[in-house]
Amino acid sequence: WYGTVIVGFCFFSFSISLVFKTVRC
């Protein structure tokens, strides 16, 4: 549970940041 929360938080941060950088607008 706690391991999934930590990995999930990192994954959410990377994914949302990647989408914003890909949009470039």
mmCIF file of all heavy atoms, coordinates in Angstrom:
data_MODEL
# 
_entry.id   MODEL 
# 
loop_
_atom_site.group_PDB 
_atom_site.id 
_atom_site.type_symbol 
_atom_site.label_atom_id 
_atom_site.label_alt_id 
_atom_site.label_comp_id 
_atom_site.label_asym_id 
_atom_site.label_entity_id 
_atom_site.label_seq_id 
_atom_site.pdbx_PDB_ins_code 
_atom_site.Cartn_x 
_atom_site.Cartn_y 
_atom_site.Cartn_z 
_atom_site.occupancy 
_atom_site.B_iso_or_equiv 
_atom_site.pdbx_formal_charge 
_atom_site.auth_seq_id 
_atom_site.auth_comp_id 
_atom_site.auth_asym_id 
_atom_site.auth_atom_id 
_atom_site.pdbx_PDB_model_num 
ATOM 1   N N   . TRP A 1 1  ? 0.821  -1.199 0.000   1.00 0.00 ? 1  TRP A N   1 
ATOM 2   C CA  . TRP A 1 1  ? 0.000  0.000  0.000   1.00 0.00 ? 1  TRP A CA  1 
ATOM 3   C C   . TRP A 1 1  ? 0.863  1.262  0.000   1.00 0.00 ? 1  TRP A C   1 
ATOM 4   O O   . TRP A 1 1  ? 0.763  2.099  -0.906  1.00 0.00 ? 1  TRP A O   1 
ATOM 5   C CB  . TRP A 1 1  ? -0.949 0.004  1.188   1.00 0.00 ? 1  TRP A CB  1 
ATOM 6   C CG  . TRP A 1 1  ? -1.701 1.296  1.354   1.00 0.00 ? 1  TRP A CG  1 
ATOM 7   C CD1 . TRP A 1 1  ? -1.756 2.074  2.458   1.00 0.00 ? 1  TRP A CD1 1 
ATOM 8   C CD2 . TRP A 1 1  ? -2.511 1.957  0.374   1.00 0.00 ? 1  TRP A CD2 1 
ATOM 9   N NE1 . TRP A 1 1  ? -2.543 3.176  2.242   1.00 0.00 ? 1  TRP A NE1 1 
ATOM 10  C CE2 . TRP A 1 1  ? -3.022 3.124  0.959   1.00 0.00 ? 1  TRP A CE2 1 
ATOM 11  C CE3 . TRP A 1 1  ? -2.842 1.671  -0.952  1.00 0.00 ? 1  TRP A CE3 1 
ATOM 12  C CZ2 . TRP A 1 1  ? -3.841 4.008  0.281   1.00 0.00 ? 1  TRP A CZ2 1 
ATOM 13  C CZ3 . TRP A 1 1  ? -3.672 2.550  -1.634  1.00 0.00 ? 1  TRP A CZ3 1 
ATOM 14  C CH2 . TRP A 1 1  ? -4.161 3.700  -1.013  1.00 0.00 ? 1  TRP A CH2 1 
ATOM 15  N N   . TYR A 1 2  ? 1.766  1.392  0.969   1.00 0.00 ? 2  TYR A N   1 
ATOM 16  C CA  . TYR A 1 2  ? 2.584  2.598  1.027   1.00 0.00 ? 2  TYR A CA  1 
ATOM 17  C C   . TYR A 1 2  ? 3.577  2.651  -0.130  1.00 0.00 ? 2  TYR A C   1 
ATOM 18  O O   . TYR A 1 2  ? 3.863  3.735  -0.657  1.00 0.00 ? 2  TYR A O   1 
ATOM 19  C CB  . TYR A 1 2  ? 3.311  2.662  2.374   1.00 0.00 ? 2  TYR A CB  1 
ATOM 20  C CG  . TYR A 1 2  ? 2.374  2.750  3.551   1.00 0.00 ? 2  TYR A CG  1 
ATOM 21  C CD1 . TYR A 1 2  ? 2.272  1.722  4.475   1.00 0.00 ? 2  TYR A CD1 1 
ATOM 22  C CD2 . TYR A 1 2  ? 1.554  3.865  3.722   1.00 0.00 ? 2  TYR A CD2 1 
ATOM 23  C CE1 . TYR A 1 2  ? 1.402  1.802  5.551   1.00 0.00 ? 2  TYR A CE1 1 
ATOM 24  C CE2 . TYR A 1 2  ? 0.670  3.953  4.795   1.00 0.00 ? 2  TYR A CE2 1 
ATOM 25  C CZ  . TYR A 1 2  ? 0.602  2.907  5.699   1.00 0.00 ? 2  TYR A CZ  1 
ATOM 26  O OH  . TYR A 1 2  ? -0.272 2.995  6.748   1.00 0.00 ? 2  TYR A OH  1 
ATOM 27  N N   . GLY A 1 3  ? 4.088  1.501  -0.546  1.00 0.00 ? 3  GLY A N   1 
ATOM 28  C CA  . GLY A 1 3  ? 4.971  1.484  -1.704  1.00 0.00 ? 3  GLY A CA  1 
ATOM 29  C C   . GLY A 1 3  ? 4.252  1.924  -2.969  1.00 0.00 ? 3  GLY A C   1 
ATOM 30  O O   . GLY A 1 3  ? 4.796  2.675  -3.785  1.00 0.00 ? 3  GLY A O   1 
ATOM 31  N N   . THR A 1 4  ? 3.021  1.466  -3.134  1.00 0.00 ? 4  THR A N   1 
ATOM 32  C CA  . THR A 1 4  ? 2.242  1.864  -4.308  1.00 0.00 ? 4  THR A CA  1 
ATOM 33  C C   . THR A 1 4  ? 1.919  3.352  -4.274  1.00 0.00 ? 4  THR A C   1 
ATOM 34  O O   . THR A 1 4  ? 1.915  4.018  -5.318  1.00 0.00 ? 4  THR A O   1 
ATOM 35  C CB  . THR A 1 4  ? 0.937  1.050  -4.374  1.00 0.00 ? 4  THR A CB  1 
ATOM 36  O OG1 . THR A 1 4  ? 1.259  -0.345 -4.428  1.00 0.00 ? 4  THR A OG1 1 
ATOM 37  C CG2 . THR A 1 4  ? 0.127  1.407  -5.606  1.00 0.00 ? 4  THR A CG2 1 
ATOM 38  N N   . VAL A 1 5  ? 1.642  3.888  -3.095  1.00 0.00 ? 5  VAL A N   1 
ATOM 39  C CA  . VAL A 1 5  ? 1.353  5.321  -2.979  1.00 0.00 ? 5  VAL A CA  1 
ATOM 40  C C   . VAL A 1 5  ? 2.575  6.139  -3.401  1.00 0.00 ? 5  VAL A C   1 
ATOM 41  O O   . VAL A 1 5  ? 2.457  7.128  -4.152  1.00 0.00 ? 5  VAL A O   1 
ATOM 42  C CB  . VAL A 1 5  ? 0.936  5.664  -1.535  1.00 0.00 ? 5  VAL A CB  1 
ATOM 43  C CG1 . VAL A 1 5  ? 0.913  7.180  -1.318  1.00 0.00 ? 5  VAL A CG1 1 
ATOM 44  C CG2 . VAL A 1 5  ? -0.434 5.079  -1.241  1.00 0.00 ? 5  VAL A CG2 1 
ATOM 45  N N   . ILE A 1 6  ? 3.757  5.738  -2.967  1.00 0.00 ? 6  ILE A N   1 
ATOM 46  C CA  . ILE A 1 6  ? 4.975  6.485  -3.308  1.00 0.00 ? 6  ILE A CA  1 
ATOM 47  C C   . ILE A 1 6  ? 5.248  6.414  -4.804  1.00 0.00 ? 6  ILE A C   1 
ATOM 48  O O   . ILE A 1 6  ? 5.477  7.435  -5.472  1.00 0.00 ? 6  ILE A O   1 
ATOM 49  C CB  . ILE A 1 6  ? 6.172  5.948  -2.503  1.00 0.00 ? 6  ILE A CB  1 
ATOM 50  C CG1 . ILE A 1 6  ? 5.967  6.227  -1.009  1.00 0.00 ? 6  ILE A CG1 1 
ATOM 51  C CG2 . ILE A 1 6  ? 7.471  6.577  -2.984  1.00 0.00 ? 6  ILE A CG2 1 
ATOM 52  C CD1 . ILE A 1 6  ? 7.001  5.578  -0.113  1.00 0.00 ? 6  ILE A CD1 1 
ATOM 53  N N   . VAL A 1 7  ? 5.221  5.184  -5.365  1.00 0.00 ? 7  VAL A N   1 
ATOM 54  C CA  . VAL A 1 7  ? 5.468  5.032  -6.798  1.00 0.00 ? 7  VAL A CA  1 
ATOM 55  C C   . VAL A 1 7  ? 4.380  5.731  -7.612  1.00 0.00 ? 7  VAL A C   1 
ATOM 56  O O   . VAL A 1 7  ? 4.648  6.378  -8.626  1.00 0.00 ? 7  VAL A O   1 
ATOM 57  C CB  . VAL A 1 7  ? 5.551  3.538  -7.167  1.00 0.00 ? 7  VAL A CB  1 
ATOM 58  C CG1 . VAL A 1 7  ? 5.684  3.360  -8.677  1.00 0.00 ? 7  VAL A CG1 1 
ATOM 59  C CG2 . VAL A 1 7  ? 6.735  2.875  -6.463  1.00 0.00 ? 7  VAL A CG2 1 
ATOM 60  N N   . GLY A 1 8  ? 3.131  5.623  -7.155  1.00 0.00 ? 8  GLY A N   1 
ATOM 61  C CA  . GLY A 1 8  ? 2.037  6.274  -7.869  1.00 0.00 ? 8  GLY A CA  1 
ATOM 62  C C   . GLY A 1 8  ? 2.154  7.789  -7.869  1.00 0.00 ? 8  GLY A C   1 
ATOM 63  O O   . GLY A 1 8  ? 1.869  8.439  -8.876  1.00 0.00 ? 8  GLY A O   1 
ATOM 64  N N   . PHE A 1 9  ? 2.574  8.363  -6.748  1.00 0.00 ? 9  PHE A N   1 
ATOM 65  C CA  . PHE A 1 9  ? 2.751  9.811  -6.696  1.00 0.00 ? 9  PHE A CA  1 
ATOM 66  C C   . PHE A 1 9  ? 3.833  10.258 -7.674  1.00 0.00 ? 9  PHE A C   1 
ATOM 67  O O   . PHE A 1 9  ? 3.654  11.253 -8.397  1.00 0.00 ? 9  PHE A O   1 
ATOM 68  C CB  . PHE A 1 9  ? 3.125  10.230 -5.271  1.00 0.00 ? 9  PHE A CB  1 
ATOM 69  C CG  . PHE A 1 9  ? 3.434  11.695 -5.136  1.00 0.00 ? 9  PHE A CG  1 
ATOM 70  C CD1 . PHE A 1 9  ? 2.413  12.631 -5.089  1.00 0.00 ? 9  PHE A CD1 1 
ATOM 71  C CD2 . PHE A 1 9  ? 4.751  12.136 -5.070  1.00 0.00 ? 9  PHE A CD2 1 
ATOM 72  C CE1 . PHE A 1 9  ? 2.698  13.990 -4.971  1.00 0.00 ? 9  PHE A CE1 1 
ATOM 73  C CE2 . PHE A 1 9  ? 5.041  13.489 -4.961  1.00 0.00 ? 9  PHE A CE2 1 
ATOM 74  C CZ  . PHE A 1 9  ? 4.015  14.419 -4.908  1.00 0.00 ? 9  PHE A CZ  1 
ATOM 75  N N   . CYS A 1 10 ? 4.943  9.521  -7.714  1.00 0.00 ? 10 CYS A N   1 
ATOM 76  C CA  . CYS A 1 10 ? 6.007  9.857  -8.674  1.00 0.00 ? 10 CYS A CA  1 
ATOM 77  C C   . CYS A 1 10 ? 5.503  9.727  -10.105 1.00 0.00 ? 10 CYS A C   1 
ATOM 78  O O   . CYS A 1 10 ? 5.774  10.582 -10.964 1.00 0.00 ? 10 CYS A O   1 
ATOM 79  C CB  . CYS A 1 10 ? 7.213  8.947  -8.443  1.00 0.00 ? 10 CYS A CB  1 
ATOM 80  S SG  . CYS A 1 10 ? 8.024  9.157  -6.848  1.00 0.00 ? 10 CYS A SG  1 
ATOM 81  N N   . PHE A 1 11 ? 4.746  8.661  -10.371 1.00 0.00 ? 11 PHE A N   1 
ATOM 82  C CA  . PHE A 1 11 ? 4.248  8.437  -11.723 1.00 0.00 ? 11 PHE A CA  1 
ATOM 83  C C   . PHE A 1 11 ? 3.271  9.533  -12.133 1.00 0.00 ? 11 PHE A C   1 
ATOM 84  O O   . PHE A 1 11 ? 3.313  10.026 -13.268 1.00 0.00 ? 11 PHE A O   1 
ATOM 85  C CB  . PHE A 1 11 ? 3.574  7.068  -11.803 1.00 0.00 ? 11 PHE A CB  1 
ATOM 86  C CG  . PHE A 1 11 ? 3.198  6.663  -13.192 1.00 0.00 ? 11 PHE A CG  1 
ATOM 87  C CD1 . PHE A 1 11 ? 4.142  6.133  -14.049 1.00 0.00 ? 11 PHE A CD1 1 
ATOM 88  C CD2 . PHE A 1 11 ? 1.897  6.805  -13.655 1.00 0.00 ? 11 PHE A CD2 1 
ATOM 89  C CE1 . PHE A 1 11 ? 3.803  5.759  -15.339 1.00 0.00 ? 11 PHE A CE1 1 
ATOM 90  C CE2 . PHE A 1 11 ? 1.544  6.434  -14.936 1.00 0.00 ? 11 PHE A CE2 1 
ATOM 91  C CZ  . PHE A 1 11 ? 2.510  5.907  -15.781 1.00 0.00 ? 11 PHE A CZ  1 
ATOM 92  N N   . PHE A 1 12 ? 2.378  9.929  -11.229 1.00 0.00 ? 12 PHE A N   1 
ATOM 93  C CA  . PHE A 1 12 ? 1.438  11.008 -11.533 1.00 0.00 ? 12 PHE A CA  1 
ATOM 94  C C   . PHE A 1 12 ? 2.191  12.296 -11.841 1.00 0.00 ? 12 PHE A C   1 
ATOM 95  O O   . PHE A 1 12 ? 1.860  13.012 -12.801 1.00 0.00 ? 12 PHE A O   1 
ATOM 96  C CB  . PHE A 1 12 ? 0.496  11.214 -10.349 1.00 0.00 ? 12 PHE A CB  1 
ATOM 97  C CG  . PHE A 1 12 ? -0.822 10.531 -10.494 1.00 0.00 ? 12 PHE A CG  1 
ATOM 98  C CD1 . PHE A 1 12 ? -0.921 9.147  -10.385 1.00 0.00 ? 12 PHE A CD1 1 
ATOM 99  C CD2 . PHE A 1 12 ? -1.973 11.249 -10.746 1.00 0.00 ? 12 PHE A CD2 1 
ATOM 100 C CE1 . PHE A 1 12 ? -2.133 8.504  -10.521 1.00 0.00 ? 12 PHE A CE1 1 
ATOM 101 C CE2 . PHE A 1 12 ? -3.206 10.620 -10.881 1.00 0.00 ? 12 PHE A CE2 1 
ATOM 102 C CZ  . PHE A 1 12 ? -3.286 9.240  -10.771 1.00 0.00 ? 12 PHE A CZ  1 
ATOM 103 N N   . SER A 1 13 ? 3.209  12.590 -11.059 1.00 0.00 ? 13 SER A N   1 
ATOM 104 C CA  . SER A 1 13 ? 3.973  13.827 -11.277 1.00 0.00 ? 13 SER A CA  1 
ATOM 105 C C   . SER A 1 13 ? 4.664  13.800 -12.632 1.00 0.00 ? 13 SER A C   1 
ATOM 106 O O   . SER A 1 13 ? 4.611  14.779 -13.395 1.00 0.00 ? 13 SER A O   1 
ATOM 107 C CB  . SER A 1 13 ? 5.007  13.994 -10.153 1.00 0.00 ? 13 SER A CB  1 
ATOM 108 O OG  . SER A 1 13 ? 4.387  14.017 -8.889  1.00 0.00 ? 13 SER A OG  1 
ATOM 109 N N   . PHE A 1 14 ? 5.307  12.682 -12.967 1.00 0.00 ? 14 PHE A N   1 
ATOM 110 C CA  . PHE A 1 14 ? 6.019  12.584 -14.237 1.00 0.00 ? 14 PHE A CA  1 
ATOM 111 C C   . PHE A 1 14 ? 5.052  12.667 -15.416 1.00 0.00 ? 14 PHE A C   1 
ATOM 112 O O   . PHE A 1 14 ? 5.321  13.351 -16.412 1.00 0.00 ? 14 PHE A O   1 
ATOM 113 C CB  . PHE A 1 14 ? 6.814  11.284 -14.316 1.00 0.00 ? 14 PHE A CB  1 
ATOM 114 C CG  . PHE A 1 14 ? 7.829  11.113 -13.225 1.00 0.00 ? 14 PHE A CG  1 
ATOM 115 C CD1 . PHE A 1 14 ? 8.262  9.852  -12.830 1.00 0.00 ? 14 PHE A CD1 1 
ATOM 116 C CD2 . PHE A 1 14 ? 8.348  12.225 -12.559 1.00 0.00 ? 14 PHE A CD2 1 
ATOM 117 C CE1 . PHE A 1 14 ? 9.189  9.703  -11.820 1.00 0.00 ? 14 PHE A CE1 1 
ATOM 118 C CE2 . PHE A 1 14 ? 9.282  12.077 -11.538 1.00 0.00 ? 14 PHE A CE2 1 
ATOM 119 C CZ  . PHE A 1 14 ? 9.697  10.813 -11.172 1.00 0.00 ? 14 PHE A CZ  1 
ATOM 120 N N   . SER A 1 15 ? 3.920  11.952 -15.316 1.00 0.00 ? 15 SER A N   1 
ATOM 121 C CA  . SER A 1 15 ? 2.989  11.890 -16.444 1.00 0.00 ? 15 SER A CA  1 
ATOM 122 C C   . SER A 1 15 ? 2.350  13.245 -16.717 1.00 0.00 ? 15 SER A C   1 
ATOM 123 O O   . SER A 1 15 ? 2.290  13.697 -17.871 1.00 0.00 ? 15 SER A O   1 
ATOM 124 C CB  . SER A 1 15 ? 1.903  10.847 -16.173 1.00 0.00 ? 15 SER A CB  1 
ATOM 125 O OG  . SER A 1 15 ? 2.448  9.556  -16.067 1.00 0.00 ? 15 SER A OG  1 
ATOM 126 N N   . ILE A 1 16 ? 1.873  13.906 -15.668 1.00 0.00 ? 16 ILE A N   1 
ATOM 127 C CA  . ILE A 1 16 ? 1.238  15.208 -15.859 1.00 0.00 ? 16 ILE A CA  1 
ATOM 128 C C   . ILE A 1 16 ? 2.249  16.227 -16.371 1.00 0.00 ? 16 ILE A C   1 
ATOM 129 O O   . ILE A 1 16 ? 1.959  17.026 -17.277 1.00 0.00 ? 16 ILE A O   1 
ATOM 130 C CB  . ILE A 1 16 ? 0.584  15.671 -14.554 1.00 0.00 ? 16 ILE A CB  1 
ATOM 131 C CG1 . ILE A 1 16 ? -0.603 14.744 -14.214 1.00 0.00 ? 16 ILE A CG1 1 
ATOM 132 C CG2 . ILE A 1 16 ? 0.118  17.115 -14.649 1.00 0.00 ? 16 ILE A CG2 1 
ATOM 133 C CD1 . ILE A 1 16 ? -1.275 15.045 -12.901 1.00 0.00 ? 16 ILE A CD1 1 
ATOM 134 N N   . SER A 1 17 ? 3.459  16.193 -15.840 1.00 0.00 ? 17 SER A N   1 
ATOM 135 C CA  . SER A 1 17 ? 4.492  17.114 -16.317 1.00 0.00 ? 17 SER A CA  1 
ATOM 136 C C   . SER A 1 17 ? 4.858  16.826 -17.773 1.00 0.00 ? 17 SER A C   1 
ATOM 137 O O   . SER A 1 17 ? 5.073  17.763 -18.557 1.00 0.00 ? 17 SER A O   1 
ATOM 138 C CB  . SER A 1 17 ? 5.740  16.998 -15.435 1.00 0.00 ? 17 SER A CB  1 
ATOM 139 O OG  . SER A 1 17 ? 5.423  17.264 -14.080 1.00 0.00 ? 17 SER A OG  1 
ATOM 140 N N   . LEU A 1 18 ? 4.909  15.552 -18.147 1.00 0.00 ? 18 LEU A N   1 
ATOM 141 C CA  . LEU A 1 18 ? 5.237  15.192 -19.527 1.00 0.00 ? 18 LEU A CA  1 
ATOM 142 C C   . LEU A 1 18 ? 4.172  15.697 -20.487 1.00 0.00 ? 18 LEU A C   1 
ATOM 143 O O   . LEU A 1 18 ? 4.491  16.206 -21.578 1.00 0.00 ? 18 LEU A O   1 
ATOM 144 C CB  . LEU A 1 18 ? 5.381  13.675 -19.651 1.00 0.00 ? 18 LEU A CB  1 
ATOM 145 C CG  . LEU A 1 18 ? 5.668  13.132 -21.060 1.00 0.00 ? 18 LEU A CG  1 
ATOM 146 C CD1 . LEU A 1 18 ? 6.990  13.678 -21.583 1.00 0.00 ? 18 LEU A CD1 1 
ATOM 147 C CD2 . LEU A 1 18 ? 5.693  11.609 -21.045 1.00 0.00 ? 18 LEU A CD2 1 
ATOM 148 N N   . VAL A 1 19 ? 2.904  15.575 -20.120 1.00 0.00 ? 19 VAL A N   1 
ATOM 149 C CA  . VAL A 1 19 ? 1.831  16.062 -20.997 1.00 0.00 ? 19 VAL A CA  1 
ATOM 150 C C   . VAL A 1 19 ? 1.930  17.569 -21.176 1.00 0.00 ? 19 VAL A C   1 
ATOM 151 O O   . VAL A 1 19 ? 1.811  18.088 -22.302 1.00 0.00 ? 19 VAL A O   1 
ATOM 152 C CB  . VAL A 1 19 ? 0.454  15.659 -20.429 1.00 0.00 ? 19 VAL A CB  1 
ATOM 153 C CG1 . VAL A 1 19 ? -0.661 16.350 -21.214 1.00 0.00 ? 19 VAL A CG1 1 
ATOM 154 C CG2 . VAL A 1 19 ? 0.274  14.152 -20.478 1.00 0.00 ? 19 VAL A CG2 1 
ATOM 155 N N   . PHE A 1 20 ? 2.181  18.312 -20.108 1.00 0.00 ? 20 PHE A N   1 
ATOM 156 C CA  . PHE A 1 20 ? 2.284  19.769 -20.217 1.00 0.00 ? 20 PHE A CA  1 
ATOM 157 C C   . PHE A 1 20 ? 3.492  20.184 -21.065 1.00 0.00 ? 20 PHE A C   1 
ATOM 158 O O   . PHE A 1 20 ? 3.409  21.166 -21.822 1.00 0.00 ? 20 PHE A O   1 
ATOM 159 C CB  . PHE A 1 20 ? 2.377  20.393 -18.828 1.00 0.00 ? 20 PHE A CB  1 
ATOM 160 C CG  . PHE A 1 20 ? 1.039  20.701 -18.213 1.00 0.00 ? 20 PHE A CG  1 
ATOM 161 C CD1 . PHE A 1 20 ? 0.386  19.757 -17.423 1.00 0.00 ? 20 PHE A CD1 1 
ATOM 162 C CD2 . PHE A 1 20 ? 0.425  21.917 -18.426 1.00 0.00 ? 20 PHE A CD2 1 
ATOM 163 C CE1 . PHE A 1 20 ? -0.849 20.040 -16.870 1.00 0.00 ? 20 PHE A CE1 1 
ATOM 164 C CE2 . PHE A 1 20 ? -0.810 22.200 -17.872 1.00 0.00 ? 20 PHE A CE2 1 
ATOM 165 C CZ  . PHE A 1 20 ? -1.449 21.266 -17.092 1.00 0.00 ? 20 PHE A CZ  1 
ATOM 166 N N   . LYS A 1 21 ? 4.595  19.442 -20.948 1.00 0.00 ? 21 LYS A N   1 
ATOM 167 C CA  . LYS A 1 21 ? 5.757  19.762 -21.770 1.00 0.00 ? 21 LYS A CA  1 
ATOM 168 C C   . LYS A 1 21 ? 5.522  19.380 -23.229 1.00 0.00 ? 21 LYS A C   1 
ATOM 169 O O   . LYS A 1 21 ? 6.025  20.042 -24.139 1.00 0.00 ? 21 LYS A O   1 
ATOM 170 C CB  . LYS A 1 21 ? 6.986  19.042 -21.232 1.00 0.00 ? 21 LYS A CB  1 
ATOM 171 C CG  . LYS A 1 21 ? 7.477  19.550 -19.901 1.00 0.00 ? 21 LYS A CG  1 
ATOM 172 C CD  . LYS A 1 21 ? 7.951  20.991 -19.978 1.00 0.00 ? 21 LYS A CD  1 
ATOM 173 C CE  . LYS A 1 21 ? 9.173  21.155 -20.862 1.00 0.00 ? 21 LYS A CE  1 
ATOM 174 N NZ  . LYS A 1 21 ? 9.661  22.549 -20.881 1.00 0.00 ? 21 LYS A NZ  1 
ATOM 175 N N   . THR A 1 22 ? 4.758  18.314 -23.471 1.00 0.00 ? 22 THR A N   1 
ATOM 176 C CA  . THR A 1 22 ? 4.499  17.878 -24.846 1.00 0.00 ? 22 THR A CA  1 
ATOM 177 C C   . THR A 1 22 ? 3.556  18.833 -25.567 1.00 0.00 ? 22 THR A C   1 
ATOM 178 O O   . THR A 1 22 ? 3.697  19.068 -26.770 1.00 0.00 ? 22 THR A O   1 
ATOM 179 C CB  . THR A 1 22 ? 3.901  16.462 -24.841 1.00 0.00 ? 22 THR A CB  1 
ATOM 180 O OG1 . THR A 1 22 ? 4.799  15.579 -24.140 1.00 0.00 ? 22 THR A OG1 1 
ATOM 181 C CG2 . THR A 1 22 ? 3.707  15.948 -26.252 1.00 0.00 ? 22 THR A CG2 1 
ATOM 182 N N   . VAL A 1 23 ? 2.590  19.388 -24.833 1.00 0.00 ? 23 VAL A N   1 
ATOM 183 C CA  . VAL A 1 23 ? 1.622  20.302 -25.444 1.00 0.00 ? 23 VAL A CA  1 
ATOM 184 C C   . VAL A 1 23 ? 2.311  21.552 -25.988 1.00 0.00 ? 23 VAL A C   1 
ATOM 185 O O   . VAL A 1 23 ? 1.956  22.059 -27.063 1.00 0.00 ? 23 VAL A O   1 
ATOM 186 C CB  . VAL A 1 23 ? 0.539  20.669 -24.413 1.00 0.00 ? 23 VAL A CB  1 
ATOM 187 C CG1 . VAL A 1 23 ? -0.325 21.819 -24.907 1.00 0.00 ? 23 VAL A CG1 1 
ATOM 188 C CG2 . VAL A 1 23 ? -0.336 19.461 -24.132 1.00 0.00 ? 23 VAL A CG2 1 
ATOM 189 N N   . ARG A 1 24 ? 3.300  22.090 -25.278 1.00 0.00 ? 24 ARG A N   1 
ATOM 190 C CA  . ARG A 1 24 ? 4.101  23.238 -25.723 1.00 0.00 ? 24 ARG A CA  1 
ATOM 191 C C   . ARG A 1 24 ? 3.252  24.468 -26.042 1.00 0.00 ? 24 ARG A C   1 
ATOM 192 O O   . ARG A 1 24 ? 3.516  25.206 -26.996 1.00 0.00 ? 24 ARG A O   1 
ATOM 193 C CB  . ARG A 1 24 ? 4.922  22.875 -26.971 1.00 0.00 ? 24 ARG A CB  1 
ATOM 194 C CG  . ARG A 1 24 ? 6.010  21.854 -26.720 1.00 0.00 ? 24 ARG A CG  1 
ATOM 195 C CD  . ARG A 1 24 ? 6.674  21.454 -28.014 1.00 0.00 ? 24 ARG A CD  1 
ATOM 196 N NE  . ARG A 1 24 ? 7.759  20.518 -27.781 1.00 0.00 ? 24 ARG A NE  1 
ATOM 197 C CZ  . ARG A 1 24 ? 9.032  20.867 -27.689 1.00 0.00 ? 24 ARG A CZ  1 
ATOM 198 N NH1 . ARG A 1 24 ? 9.378  22.128 -27.803 1.00 0.00 ? 24 ARG A NH1 1 
ATOM 199 N NH2 . ARG A 1 24 ? 9.966  19.948 -27.487 1.00 0.00 ? 24 ARG A NH2 1 
ATOM 200 N N   . CYS A 1 25 ? 2.189  24.667 -25.310 1.00 0.00 ? 25 CYS A N   1 
ATOM 201 C CA  . CYS A 1 25 ? 1.300  25.793 -25.586 1.00 0.00 ? 25 CYS A CA  1 
ATOM 202 C C   . CYS A 1 25 ? 0.561  26.154 -24.312 1.00 0.00 ? 25 CYS A C   1 
ATOM 203 O O   . CYS A 1 25 ? 0.061  25.274 -23.602 1.00 0.00 ? 25 CYS A O   1 
ATOM 204 C CB  . CYS A 1 25 ? 0.312  25.437 -26.698 1.00 0.00 ? 25 CYS A CB  1 
ATOM 205 S SG  . CYS A 1 25 ? -0.782 26.792 -27.158 1.00 0.00 ? 25 CYS A SG  1 
# 
